[in-house]
Amino acid sequence: MIAYIIGKVAHKDPTLTILEANGIGYEIHVSLYTSTALPKLGESFKLHTYQHIREDAHVLYGFGNPDEKELFLDLISVSGIGPNTALTMLSTLSPAELRQAILMENIKAIQSIKGIGGKTAQRVILELRDKMKKAGIMAQADMPSYRMSANPIRDEALAALVTLGIPKPAAEKSLDTILKREGEDLSVEQLIRLALK
């Protein structure tokens, strides 16, 4: 297994990067959370990796820190969640937000993630809540409540803005300001247009 790769960023997309190490380019799938942490092209970076081996492919998944990788491994241990679904979950909510949703049994927040239905959300909570509590991870009451209310339109707009190259913290701040000012009844397109002004 490849535990991590340190190399220069040769290519980056919102969900994929290529790290060049010792003349080899490693194609690595990343979450939007990790993607925003990647430096400019040509700069060196360390990605903690998980290698998923299937009959038809060997796929590398990369994470900006060991904490995100650990949560990814927890997620794929849940029946019905594969690596791509786990990566989608980590692209929609940050590791801290996802852990909070699990610990607070917030089915709505987890269900708002594309491809996650009610039963899968319940299974994630059931299988991971106690494991996290045993590891000493506690729910924090001071987590932002707007995130836990799970606004899929905001999440979709955020993903689009990050794809357009806007840093995630700046995009989040802009979207939250617009939603406070304009209300929650905007479409994804309207929200993106207002954020780009």
N, C-alpha and C. Protein backbone atom coordinates (compact mmCIF):
# COMPACT_ATOMS: atom_id res chain seq x y z
N MET A 1 0.83 -1.21 0.00
CA MET A 1 0.00 0.00 0.00
C MET A 1 0.87 1.26 0.00
N ILE A 2 0.39 2.28 -0.65
CA ILE A 2 1.09 3.56 -0.68
C ILE A 2 0.47 4.44 0.40
N ALA A 3 1.24 4.77 1.45
CA ALA A 3 0.71 5.54 2.58
C ALA A 3 0.61 7.03 2.26
N TYR A 4 1.61 7.56 1.56
CA TYR A 4 1.57 8.97 1.16
C TYR A 4 2.53 9.20 0.00
N ILE A 5 2.32 10.30 -0.68
CA ILE A 5 3.20 10.69 -1.79
C ILE A 5 3.56 12.16 -1.61
N ILE A 6 4.84 12.45 -1.70
CA ILE A 6 5.29 13.85 -1.68
C ILE A 6 5.80 14.13 -3.09
N GLY A 7 5.21 15.13 -3.73
CA GLY A 7 5.63 15.44 -5.09
C GLY A 7 5.15 16.81 -5.52
N LYS A 8 5.54 17.19 -6.72
CA LYS A 8 5.13 18.49 -7.26
C LYS A 8 3.76 18.34 -7.92
N VAL A 9 2.93 19.35 -7.74
CA VAL A 9 1.60 19.35 -8.35
C VAL A 9 1.78 19.62 -9.84
N ALA A 10 1.53 18.59 -10.68
CA ALA A 10 1.70 18.72 -12.13
C ALA A 10 0.38 19.09 -12.81
N HIS A 11 -0.74 18.77 -12.15
CA HIS A 11 -2.07 19.04 -12.72
C HIS A 11 -3.05 19.07 -11.56
N LYS A 12 -4.05 19.94 -11.66
CA LYS A 12 -5.09 19.88 -10.65
C LYS A 12 -6.44 20.31 -11.20
N ASP A 13 -7.44 19.49 -10.87
CA ASP A 13 -8.85 19.74 -11.14
C ASP A 13 -9.52 19.73 -9.77
N PRO A 14 -10.79 20.12 -9.69
CA PRO A 14 -11.44 20.09 -8.38
C PRO A 14 -11.48 18.69 -7.73
N THR A 15 -11.50 17.64 -8.54
CA THR A 15 -11.60 16.30 -7.94
C THR A 15 -10.44 15.37 -8.30
N LEU A 16 -9.43 15.90 -8.98
CA LEU A 16 -8.32 15.07 -9.41
C LEU A 16 -7.04 15.90 -9.46
N THR A 17 -5.95 15.29 -9.04
CA THR A 17 -4.66 15.96 -9.16
C THR A 17 -3.63 14.95 -9.63
N ILE A 18 -2.55 15.44 -10.21
CA ILE A 18 -1.42 14.57 -10.56
C ILE A 18 -0.21 15.11 -9.81
N LEU A 19 0.36 14.25 -8.96
CA LEU A 19 1.58 14.59 -8.23
C LEU A 19 2.74 13.89 -8.92
N GLU A 20 3.78 14.66 -9.24
CA GLU A 20 4.96 14.07 -9.87
C GLU A 20 6.03 13.85 -8.81
N ALA A 21 6.41 12.59 -8.63
CA ALA A 21 7.44 12.23 -7.66
C ALA A 21 8.44 11.29 -8.32
N ASN A 22 9.70 11.67 -8.31
CA ASN A 22 10.77 10.86 -8.92
C ASN A 22 10.48 10.47 -10.36
N GLY A 23 9.96 11.42 -11.14
CA GLY A 23 9.70 11.18 -12.55
C GLY A 23 8.44 10.39 -12.85
N ILE A 24 7.65 10.08 -11.83
CA ILE A 24 6.39 9.35 -12.03
C ILE A 24 5.23 10.26 -11.67
N GLY A 25 4.22 10.32 -12.55
CA GLY A 25 3.03 11.13 -12.28
C GLY A 25 1.93 10.25 -11.71
N TYR A 26 1.56 10.52 -10.47
CA TYR A 26 0.50 9.75 -9.81
C TYR A 26 -0.83 10.48 -9.95
N GLU A 27 -1.80 9.82 -10.59
CA GLU A 27 -3.14 10.38 -10.72
C GLU A 27 -3.91 10.05 -9.44
N ILE A 28 -4.34 11.11 -8.73
CA ILE A 28 -4.94 10.91 -7.41
C ILE A 28 -6.28 11.63 -7.34
N HIS A 29 -7.32 10.90 -6.95
CA HIS A 29 -8.65 11.49 -6.77
C HIS A 29 -8.70 12.17 -5.41
N VAL A 30 -9.19 13.41 -5.37
CA VAL A 30 -9.24 14.18 -4.12
C VAL A 30 -10.64 14.76 -3.90
N SER A 31 -10.95 15.10 -2.65
CA SER A 31 -12.21 15.77 -2.33
C SER A 31 -12.05 17.26 -2.60
N LEU A 32 -13.15 17.98 -2.67
CA LEU A 32 -13.08 19.44 -2.83
C LEU A 32 -12.36 20.06 -1.65
N TYR A 33 -12.53 19.46 -0.48
CA TYR A 33 -11.87 19.93 0.75
C TYR A 33 -10.35 19.91 0.58
N THR A 34 -9.81 18.79 0.07
CA THR A 34 -8.36 18.67 -0.16
C THR A 34 -7.94 19.52 -1.35
N SER A 35 -8.78 19.56 -2.38
CA SER A 35 -8.46 20.31 -3.59
C SER A 35 -8.17 21.78 -3.29
N THR A 36 -8.92 22.37 -2.35
CA THR A 36 -8.70 23.78 -2.02
C THR A 36 -7.40 23.99 -1.24
N ALA A 37 -6.86 22.90 -0.66
CA ALA A 37 -5.60 23.01 0.10
C ALA A 37 -4.37 22.83 -0.79
N LEU A 38 -4.58 22.36 -2.02
CA LEU A 38 -3.45 22.13 -2.92
C LEU A 38 -2.77 23.45 -3.30
N PRO A 39 -1.43 23.45 -3.36
CA PRO A 39 -0.72 24.67 -3.77
C PRO A 39 -0.77 24.86 -5.29
N LYS A 40 -0.08 25.89 -5.78
CA LYS A 40 -0.03 26.17 -7.21
C LYS A 40 0.73 25.06 -7.95
N LEU A 41 0.53 25.00 -9.26
CA LEU A 41 1.25 24.03 -10.09
C LEU A 41 2.75 24.21 -9.91
N GLY A 42 3.45 23.08 -9.84
CA GLY A 42 4.91 23.13 -9.70
C GLY A 42 5.39 23.14 -8.25
N GLU A 43 4.49 23.40 -7.33
CA GLU A 43 4.87 23.42 -5.91
C GLU A 43 4.72 22.02 -5.31
N SER A 44 5.54 21.75 -4.29
CA SER A 44 5.55 20.45 -3.65
C SER A 44 4.43 20.32 -2.62
N PHE A 45 3.89 19.10 -2.49
CA PHE A 45 2.79 18.85 -1.55
C PHE A 45 2.80 17.39 -1.13
N LYS A 46 2.32 17.12 0.08
CA LYS A 46 2.23 15.74 0.57
C LYS A 46 0.77 15.35 0.65
N LEU A 47 0.42 14.26 -0.03
CA LEU A 47 -0.93 13.72 0.03
C LEU A 47 -0.90 12.36 0.70
N HIS A 48 -1.71 12.19 1.73
CA HIS A 48 -1.88 10.89 2.38
C HIS A 48 -2.81 10.11 1.47
N THR A 49 -2.44 8.89 1.13
CA THR A 49 -3.19 8.18 0.09
C THR A 49 -3.79 6.86 0.56
N TYR A 50 -4.81 6.47 -0.18
CA TYR A 50 -5.45 5.17 -0.01
C TYR A 50 -5.53 4.57 -1.40
N GLN A 51 -5.05 3.34 -1.55
CA GLN A 51 -5.07 2.67 -2.86
C GLN A 51 -6.21 1.67 -2.88
N HIS A 52 -7.14 1.89 -3.81
CA HIS A 52 -8.30 1.00 -3.94
C HIS A 52 -8.06 0.09 -5.15
N ILE A 53 -8.03 -1.20 -4.90
CA ILE A 53 -7.73 -2.14 -5.98
C ILE A 53 -9.00 -2.91 -6.35
N ARG A 54 -9.37 -2.77 -7.63
CA ARG A 54 -10.51 -3.51 -8.18
C ARG A 54 -9.98 -4.40 -9.29
N GLU A 55 -10.84 -5.24 -9.82
CA GLU A 55 -10.46 -6.12 -10.92
C GLU A 55 -9.99 -5.33 -12.13
N ASP A 56 -10.70 -4.23 -12.40
CA ASP A 56 -10.44 -3.47 -13.62
C ASP A 56 -9.61 -2.20 -13.42
N ALA A 57 -9.24 -1.87 -12.18
CA ALA A 57 -8.48 -0.63 -11.96
C ALA A 57 -7.82 -0.57 -10.60
N HIS A 58 -6.72 0.16 -10.55
CA HIS A 58 -6.06 0.52 -9.29
C HIS A 58 -6.22 2.03 -9.18
N VAL A 59 -6.93 2.49 -8.15
CA VAL A 59 -7.24 3.92 -8.03
C VAL A 59 -6.65 4.47 -6.74
N LEU A 60 -6.00 5.63 -6.84
CA LEU A 60 -5.45 6.30 -5.67
C LEU A 60 -6.38 7.43 -5.24
N TYR A 61 -6.63 7.51 -3.93
CA TYR A 61 -7.41 8.60 -3.34
C TYR A 61 -6.46 9.34 -2.40
N GLY A 62 -6.47 10.68 -2.48
CA GLY A 62 -5.53 11.46 -1.68
C GLY A 62 -6.22 12.43 -0.74
N PHE A 63 -5.53 12.70 0.38
CA PHE A 63 -6.09 13.56 1.43
C PHE A 63 -5.01 14.50 1.95
N GLY A 64 -5.41 15.73 2.20
CA GLY A 64 -4.48 16.76 2.66
C GLY A 64 -3.96 16.52 4.06
N ASN A 65 -4.68 15.75 4.86
CA ASN A 65 -4.21 15.45 6.22
C ASN A 65 -4.66 14.06 6.65
N PRO A 66 -3.99 13.47 7.65
CA PRO A 66 -4.34 12.11 8.09
C PRO A 66 -5.76 12.00 8.65
N ASP A 67 -6.27 13.10 9.22
CA ASP A 67 -7.60 13.10 9.80
C ASP A 67 -8.67 12.82 8.74
N GLU A 68 -8.54 13.49 7.58
CA GLU A 68 -9.50 13.28 6.50
C GLU A 68 -9.40 11.84 5.97
N LYS A 69 -8.18 11.33 5.87
CA LYS A 69 -7.99 9.95 5.40
C LYS A 69 -8.64 8.96 6.37
N GLU A 70 -8.48 9.20 7.66
CA GLU A 70 -9.07 8.32 8.68
C GLU A 70 -10.59 8.30 8.58
N LEU A 71 -11.19 9.48 8.36
CA LEU A 71 -12.65 9.55 8.22
C LEU A 71 -13.09 8.84 6.94
N PHE A 72 -12.32 8.99 5.86
CA PHE A 72 -12.60 8.30 4.60
C PHE A 72 -12.62 6.78 4.83
N LEU A 73 -11.61 6.27 5.55
CA LEU A 73 -11.54 4.83 5.83
C LEU A 73 -12.72 4.37 6.68
N ASP A 74 -13.13 5.22 7.64
CA ASP A 74 -14.33 4.91 8.44
C ASP A 74 -15.56 4.81 7.54
N LEU A 75 -15.69 5.79 6.62
CA LEU A 75 -16.87 5.83 5.74
C LEU A 75 -16.95 4.61 4.83
N ILE A 76 -15.80 4.20 4.25
CA ILE A 76 -15.86 3.06 3.32
C ILE A 76 -16.04 1.73 4.07
N SER A 77 -15.89 1.76 5.40
CA SER A 77 -16.14 0.54 6.18
C SER A 77 -17.64 0.31 6.37
N VAL A 78 -18.44 1.34 6.08
CA VAL A 78 -19.90 1.23 6.20
C VAL A 78 -20.44 0.52 4.96
N SER A 79 -21.27 -0.48 5.18
CA SER A 79 -21.86 -1.26 4.09
C SER A 79 -22.63 -0.33 3.14
N GLY A 80 -22.35 -0.44 1.85
CA GLY A 80 -23.06 0.36 0.85
C GLY A 80 -22.35 1.66 0.47
N ILE A 81 -21.22 1.97 1.13
CA ILE A 81 -20.49 3.20 0.79
C ILE A 81 -19.12 2.81 0.21
N GLY A 82 -18.95 3.17 -1.05
CA GLY A 82 -17.68 2.90 -1.72
C GLY A 82 -16.79 4.14 -1.68
N PRO A 83 -15.58 4.04 -2.22
CA PRO A 83 -14.65 5.17 -2.20
C PRO A 83 -15.18 6.44 -2.87
N ASN A 84 -15.88 6.30 -4.00
CA ASN A 84 -16.39 7.49 -4.69
C ASN A 84 -17.47 8.19 -3.89
N THR A 85 -18.35 7.42 -3.25
CA THR A 85 -19.40 8.00 -2.41
C THR A 85 -18.77 8.69 -1.20
N ALA A 86 -17.77 8.04 -0.59
CA ALA A 86 -17.09 8.63 0.57
C ALA A 86 -16.43 9.95 0.17
N LEU A 87 -15.83 10.00 -1.03
CA LEU A 87 -15.19 11.23 -1.51
C LEU A 87 -16.23 12.33 -1.74
N THR A 88 -17.40 11.95 -2.25
CA THR A 88 -18.49 12.92 -2.43
C THR A 88 -18.92 13.47 -1.08
N MET A 89 -19.00 12.60 -0.08
CA MET A 89 -19.39 13.04 1.26
C MET A 89 -18.38 14.05 1.81
N LEU A 90 -17.08 13.79 1.59
CA LEU A 90 -16.03 14.68 2.07
C LEU A 90 -15.90 15.94 1.22
N SER A 91 -16.51 15.93 0.04
CA SER A 91 -16.53 17.14 -0.80
C SER A 91 -17.69 18.04 -0.42
N THR A 92 -18.75 17.44 0.13
CA THR A 92 -19.94 18.20 0.49
C THR A 92 -19.80 18.83 1.86
N LEU A 93 -19.32 18.05 2.83
CA LEU A 93 -19.11 18.54 4.19
C LEU A 93 -17.64 18.35 4.55
N SER A 94 -17.07 19.28 5.32
CA SER A 94 -15.69 19.11 5.76
C SER A 94 -15.66 17.94 6.75
N PRO A 95 -14.47 17.36 7.01
CA PRO A 95 -14.41 16.25 7.98
C PRO A 95 -15.03 16.62 9.33
N ALA A 96 -14.78 17.83 9.82
CA ALA A 96 -15.33 18.25 11.12
C ALA A 96 -16.86 18.31 11.06
N GLU A 97 -17.40 18.86 9.96
CA GLU A 97 -18.86 18.97 9.82
C GLU A 97 -19.52 17.60 9.69
N LEU A 98 -18.86 16.70 8.97
CA LEU A 98 -19.40 15.36 8.78
C LEU A 98 -19.41 14.59 10.11
N ARG A 99 -18.32 14.73 10.86
CA ARG A 99 -18.27 14.08 12.18
C ARG A 99 -19.37 14.63 13.09
N GLN A 100 -19.57 15.95 13.06
CA GLN A 100 -20.61 16.57 13.89
C GLN A 100 -21.98 16.03 13.51
N ALA A 101 -22.23 15.93 12.22
CA ALA A 101 -23.53 15.42 11.75
C ALA A 101 -23.76 13.99 12.24
N ILE A 102 -22.70 13.19 12.23
CA ILE A 102 -22.80 11.80 12.69
C ILE A 102 -23.04 11.76 14.20
N LEU A 103 -22.23 12.51 14.95
CA LEU A 103 -22.34 12.51 16.42
C LEU A 103 -23.67 13.09 16.91
N MET A 104 -24.20 14.08 16.17
CA MET A 104 -25.46 14.70 16.58
C MET A 104 -26.67 14.00 15.95
N GLU A 105 -26.37 12.89 15.24
CA GLU A 105 -27.42 12.10 14.57
C GLU A 105 -28.29 12.94 13.65
N ASN A 106 -27.62 13.83 12.90
CA ASN A 106 -28.32 14.74 11.99
C ASN A 106 -28.49 14.04 10.63
N ILE A 107 -29.54 13.24 10.53
CA ILE A 107 -29.81 12.48 9.30
C ILE A 107 -30.00 13.42 8.12
N LYS A 108 -30.68 14.56 8.34
CA LYS A 108 -30.95 15.53 7.27
C LYS A 108 -29.67 16.01 6.60
N ALA A 109 -28.67 16.35 7.42
CA ALA A 109 -27.40 16.85 6.88
C ALA A 109 -26.70 15.79 6.04
N ILE A 110 -26.69 14.55 6.52
CA ILE A 110 -26.02 13.47 5.78
C ILE A 110 -26.82 13.10 4.53
N GLN A 111 -28.15 13.12 4.65
CA GLN A 111 -29.02 12.78 3.52
C GLN A 111 -28.95 13.84 2.41
N SER A 112 -28.53 15.05 2.76
CA SER A 112 -28.44 16.12 1.74
C SER A 112 -27.30 15.87 0.76
N ILE A 113 -26.40 14.95 1.10
CA ILE A 113 -25.26 14.64 0.24
C ILE A 113 -25.76 13.82 -0.95
N LYS A 114 -25.34 14.22 -2.13
CA LYS A 114 -25.78 13.55 -3.37
C LYS A 114 -25.47 12.05 -3.30
N GLY A 115 -26.49 11.24 -3.56
CA GLY A 115 -26.31 9.79 -3.59
C GLY A 115 -26.53 9.11 -2.25
N ILE A 116 -26.83 9.88 -1.21
CA ILE A 116 -27.06 9.30 0.12
C ILE A 116 -28.55 9.37 0.44
N GLY A 117 -29.17 8.22 0.60
CA GLY A 117 -30.58 8.16 0.95
C GLY A 117 -30.75 8.04 2.46
N GLY A 118 -32.00 7.98 2.89
CA GLY A 118 -32.31 7.90 4.31
C GLY A 118 -31.71 6.69 5.01
N LYS A 119 -31.81 5.52 4.38
CA LYS A 119 -31.31 4.29 4.99
C LYS A 119 -29.79 4.33 5.13
N THR A 120 -29.12 4.81 4.09
CA THR A 120 -27.65 4.90 4.13
C THR A 120 -27.21 5.89 5.19
N ALA A 121 -27.91 7.03 5.29
CA ALA A 121 -27.58 8.04 6.31
C ALA A 121 -27.72 7.43 7.70
N GLN A 122 -28.79 6.67 7.93
CA GLN A 122 -28.99 6.02 9.23
C GLN A 122 -27.89 5.00 9.51
N ARG A 123 -27.50 4.26 8.47
CA ARG A 123 -26.45 3.25 8.63
C ARG A 123 -25.12 3.91 9.00
N VAL A 124 -24.80 5.04 8.35
CA VAL A 124 -23.56 5.77 8.65
C VAL A 124 -23.55 6.17 10.12
N ILE A 125 -24.66 6.75 10.58
CA ILE A 125 -24.75 7.19 11.99
C ILE A 125 -24.64 5.99 12.93
N LEU A 126 -25.39 4.94 12.63
CA LEU A 126 -25.42 3.76 13.48
C LEU A 126 -24.04 3.11 13.61
N GLU A 127 -23.34 2.99 12.46
CA GLU A 127 -22.06 2.28 12.46
C GLU A 127 -20.88 3.13 12.93
N LEU A 128 -20.96 4.45 12.78
CA LEU A 128 -19.80 5.28 13.10
C LEU A 128 -19.91 6.10 14.39
N ARG A 129 -21.12 6.37 14.85
CA ARG A 129 -21.31 7.23 16.03
C ARG A 129 -20.55 6.69 17.24
N ASP A 130 -20.79 5.42 17.60
CA ASP A 130 -20.16 4.84 18.78
C ASP A 130 -18.64 4.72 18.60
N LYS A 131 -18.22 4.40 17.38
CA LYS A 131 -16.79 4.28 17.07
C LYS A 131 -16.09 5.62 17.33
N MET A 132 -16.74 6.72 16.92
CA MET A 132 -16.17 8.06 17.13
C MET A 132 -16.15 8.43 18.60
N LYS A 133 -17.22 8.08 19.30
CA LYS A 133 -17.29 8.37 20.74
C LYS A 133 -16.19 7.62 21.49
N LYS A 134 -15.95 6.36 21.10
CA LYS A 134 -14.88 5.58 21.73
C LYS A 134 -13.51 6.20 21.47
N ALA A 135 -13.36 6.80 20.29
CA ALA A 135 -12.09 7.45 19.92
C ALA A 135 -11.94 8.81 20.62
N GLY A 136 -12.96 9.21 21.38
CA GLY A 136 -12.87 10.47 22.13
C GLY A 136 -13.32 11.69 21.36
N ILE A 137 -13.98 11.48 20.22
CA ILE A 137 -14.47 12.62 19.43
C ILE A 137 -15.85 13.00 19.97
N MET A 138 -15.99 14.24 20.36
CA MET A 138 -17.24 14.69 20.96
C MET A 138 -17.94 15.71 20.07
N ALA A 139 -19.25 15.74 20.17
CA ALA A 139 -20.04 16.74 19.43
C ALA A 139 -19.79 18.10 20.06
N GLN A 140 -19.66 19.10 19.21
CA GLN A 140 -19.43 20.47 19.70
C GLN A 140 -20.66 21.31 19.40
N ALA A 141 -21.17 21.93 20.42
CA ALA A 141 -22.39 22.74 20.27
C ALA A 141 -22.13 24.01 19.48
N ASP A 142 -20.86 24.42 19.37
CA ASP A 142 -20.58 25.69 18.71
C ASP A 142 -20.34 25.56 17.20
N MET A 143 -20.63 24.38 16.64
CA MET A 143 -20.50 24.23 15.19
C MET A 143 -21.56 25.09 14.51
N PRO A 144 -21.24 25.69 13.35
CA PRO A 144 -22.22 26.54 12.69
C PRO A 144 -23.51 25.78 12.35
N SER A 145 -24.63 26.32 12.74
CA SER A 145 -25.90 25.62 12.54
C SER A 145 -26.37 25.67 11.08
N TYR A 146 -25.95 26.70 10.33
CA TYR A 146 -26.39 26.78 8.93
C TYR A 146 -25.92 25.58 8.14
N ARG A 147 -24.73 25.05 8.48
CA ARG A 147 -24.19 23.90 7.76
C ARG A 147 -25.00 22.65 8.09
N MET A 148 -25.37 22.52 9.35
CA MET A 148 -26.09 21.34 9.78
C MET A 148 -27.53 21.35 9.27
N SER A 149 -28.02 22.53 8.87
CA SER A 149 -29.37 22.59 8.32
C SER A 149 -29.38 22.03 6.90
N ALA A 150 -28.20 21.82 6.35
CA ALA A 150 -28.01 21.17 5.06
C ALA A 150 -28.78 21.85 3.93
N ASN A 151 -28.15 22.83 3.32
CA ASN A 151 -28.74 23.53 2.19
C ASN A 151 -28.08 23.01 0.92
N PRO A 152 -28.74 22.08 0.19
CA PRO A 152 -28.11 21.50 -0.99
C PRO A 152 -27.83 22.52 -2.09
N ILE A 153 -28.62 23.59 -2.18
CA ILE A 153 -28.39 24.62 -3.20
C ILE A 153 -27.09 25.36 -2.89
N ARG A 154 -26.87 25.67 -1.60
CA ARG A 154 -25.63 26.33 -1.19
C ARG A 154 -24.43 25.42 -1.49
N ASP A 155 -24.58 24.12 -1.18
CA ASP A 155 -23.49 23.17 -1.41
C ASP A 155 -23.13 23.06 -2.89
N GLU A 156 -24.16 23.03 -3.74
CA GLU A 156 -23.93 22.93 -5.18
C GLU A 156 -23.25 24.19 -5.71
N ALA A 157 -23.71 25.35 -5.23
CA ALA A 157 -23.11 26.62 -5.64
C ALA A 157 -21.66 26.70 -5.18
N LEU A 158 -21.41 26.23 -3.94
CA LEU A 158 -20.05 26.25 -3.40
C LEU A 158 -19.12 25.38 -4.24
N ALA A 159 -19.58 24.19 -4.60
CA ALA A 159 -18.77 23.28 -5.44
C ALA A 159 -18.45 23.94 -6.78
N ALA A 160 -19.44 24.60 -7.36
CA ALA A 160 -19.23 25.27 -8.66
C ALA A 160 -18.22 26.41 -8.53
N LEU A 161 -18.33 27.20 -7.47
CA LEU A 161 -17.40 28.33 -7.28
C LEU A 161 -15.97 27.85 -7.06
N VAL A 162 -15.83 26.76 -6.29
CA VAL A 162 -14.49 26.21 -6.05
C VAL A 162 -13.91 25.69 -7.37
N THR A 163 -14.77 25.06 -8.19
CA THR A 163 -14.35 24.57 -9.51
C THR A 163 -13.86 25.72 -10.38
N LEU A 164 -14.49 26.89 -10.22
CA LEU A 164 -14.09 28.08 -10.99
C LEU A 164 -12.82 28.74 -10.45
N GLY A 165 -12.27 28.17 -9.37
CA GLY A 165 -11.00 28.68 -8.86
C GLY A 165 -11.10 29.64 -7.68
N ILE A 166 -12.29 29.82 -7.15
CA ILE A 166 -12.45 30.72 -6.00
C ILE A 166 -12.12 29.92 -4.74
N PRO A 167 -11.27 30.47 -3.85
CA PRO A 167 -10.92 29.74 -2.62
C PRO A 167 -12.17 29.42 -1.80
N LYS A 168 -12.22 28.21 -1.23
CA LYS A 168 -13.41 27.75 -0.50
C LYS A 168 -13.84 28.71 0.61
N PRO A 169 -12.92 29.20 1.49
CA PRO A 169 -13.37 30.10 2.55
C PRO A 169 -14.04 31.38 2.02
N ALA A 170 -13.46 31.95 0.95
CA ALA A 170 -14.03 33.17 0.35
C ALA A 170 -15.40 32.88 -0.27
N ALA A 171 -15.52 31.74 -0.94
CA ALA A 171 -16.79 31.35 -1.56
C ALA A 171 -17.87 31.13 -0.50
N GLU A 172 -17.50 30.45 0.60
CA GLU A 172 -18.46 30.20 1.69
C GLU A 172 -18.95 31.51 2.29
N LYS A 173 -18.02 32.42 2.54
CA LYS A 173 -18.38 33.71 3.14
C LYS A 173 -19.33 34.48 2.23
N SER A 174 -19.00 34.50 0.94
CA SER A 174 -19.83 35.20 -0.04
C SER A 174 -21.24 34.60 -0.12
N LEU A 175 -21.33 33.27 -0.18
CA LEU A 175 -22.63 32.59 -0.28
C LEU A 175 -23.48 32.84 0.97
N ASP A 176 -22.84 32.79 2.14
CA ASP A 176 -23.58 33.01 3.38
C ASP A 176 -24.12 34.43 3.46
N THR A 177 -23.33 35.42 3.00
CA THR A 177 -23.77 36.82 2.99
C THR A 177 -24.97 36.98 2.06
N ILE A 178 -24.89 36.37 0.87
CA ILE A 178 -25.99 36.46 -0.12
C ILE A 178 -27.26 35.80 0.43
N LEU A 179 -27.12 34.61 1.03
CA LEU A 179 -28.29 33.89 1.57
C LEU A 179 -28.95 34.66 2.71
N LYS A 180 -28.14 35.34 3.52
CA LYS A 180 -28.71 36.16 4.61
C LYS A 180 -29.48 37.34 4.04
N ARG A 181 -28.88 37.97 3.01
CA ARG A 181 -29.46 39.19 2.41
C ARG A 181 -30.67 38.87 1.53
N GLU A 182 -30.56 37.84 0.69
CA GLU A 182 -31.59 37.54 -0.33
C GLU A 182 -32.61 36.49 0.11
N GLY A 183 -32.28 35.73 1.15
CA GLY A 183 -33.18 34.66 1.56
C GLY A 183 -32.79 33.34 0.92
N GLU A 184 -33.47 32.26 1.29
CA GLU A 184 -33.09 30.91 0.87
C GLU A 184 -33.77 30.46 -0.43
N ASP A 185 -34.56 31.33 -1.06
CA ASP A 185 -35.35 30.91 -2.22
C ASP A 185 -34.65 31.09 -3.57
N LEU A 186 -33.34 31.22 -3.57
CA LEU A 186 -32.60 31.41 -4.82
C LEU A 186 -32.29 30.07 -5.47
N SER A 187 -32.18 30.08 -6.80
CA SER A 187 -31.75 28.86 -7.50
C SER A 187 -30.23 28.82 -7.45
N VAL A 188 -29.65 27.67 -7.80
CA VAL A 188 -28.19 27.52 -7.81
C VAL A 188 -27.57 28.55 -8.75
N GLU A 189 -28.16 28.71 -9.94
CA GLU A 189 -27.63 29.64 -10.94
C GLU A 189 -27.64 31.08 -10.42
N GLN A 190 -28.75 31.48 -9.80
CA GLN A 190 -28.86 32.84 -9.25
C GLN A 190 -27.80 33.06 -8.16
N LEU A 191 -27.63 32.07 -7.32
CA LEU A 191 -26.67 32.17 -6.23
C LEU A 191 -25.25 32.31 -6.77
N ILE A 192 -24.91 31.52 -7.79
CA ILE A 192 -23.58 31.59 -8.39
C ILE A 192 -23.35 32.95 -9.04
N ARG A 193 -24.37 33.42 -9.81
CA ARG A 193 -24.24 34.74 -10.46
C ARG A 193 -23.99 35.85 -9.45
N LEU A 194 -24.78 35.86 -8.36
CA LEU A 194 -24.62 36.89 -7.33
C LEU A 194 -23.25 36.79 -6.65
N ALA A 195 -22.76 35.58 -6.46
CA ALA A 195 -21.44 35.39 -5.81
C ALA A 195 -20.30 35.85 -6.72
N LEU A 196 -20.51 35.79 -8.02
CA LEU A 196 -19.46 36.18 -8.97
C LEU A 196 -19.42 37.68 -9.27
N LYS A 197 -20.43 38.41 -8.78
CA LYS A 197 -20.49 39.86 -9.03
C LYS A 197 -19.43 40.59 -8.25
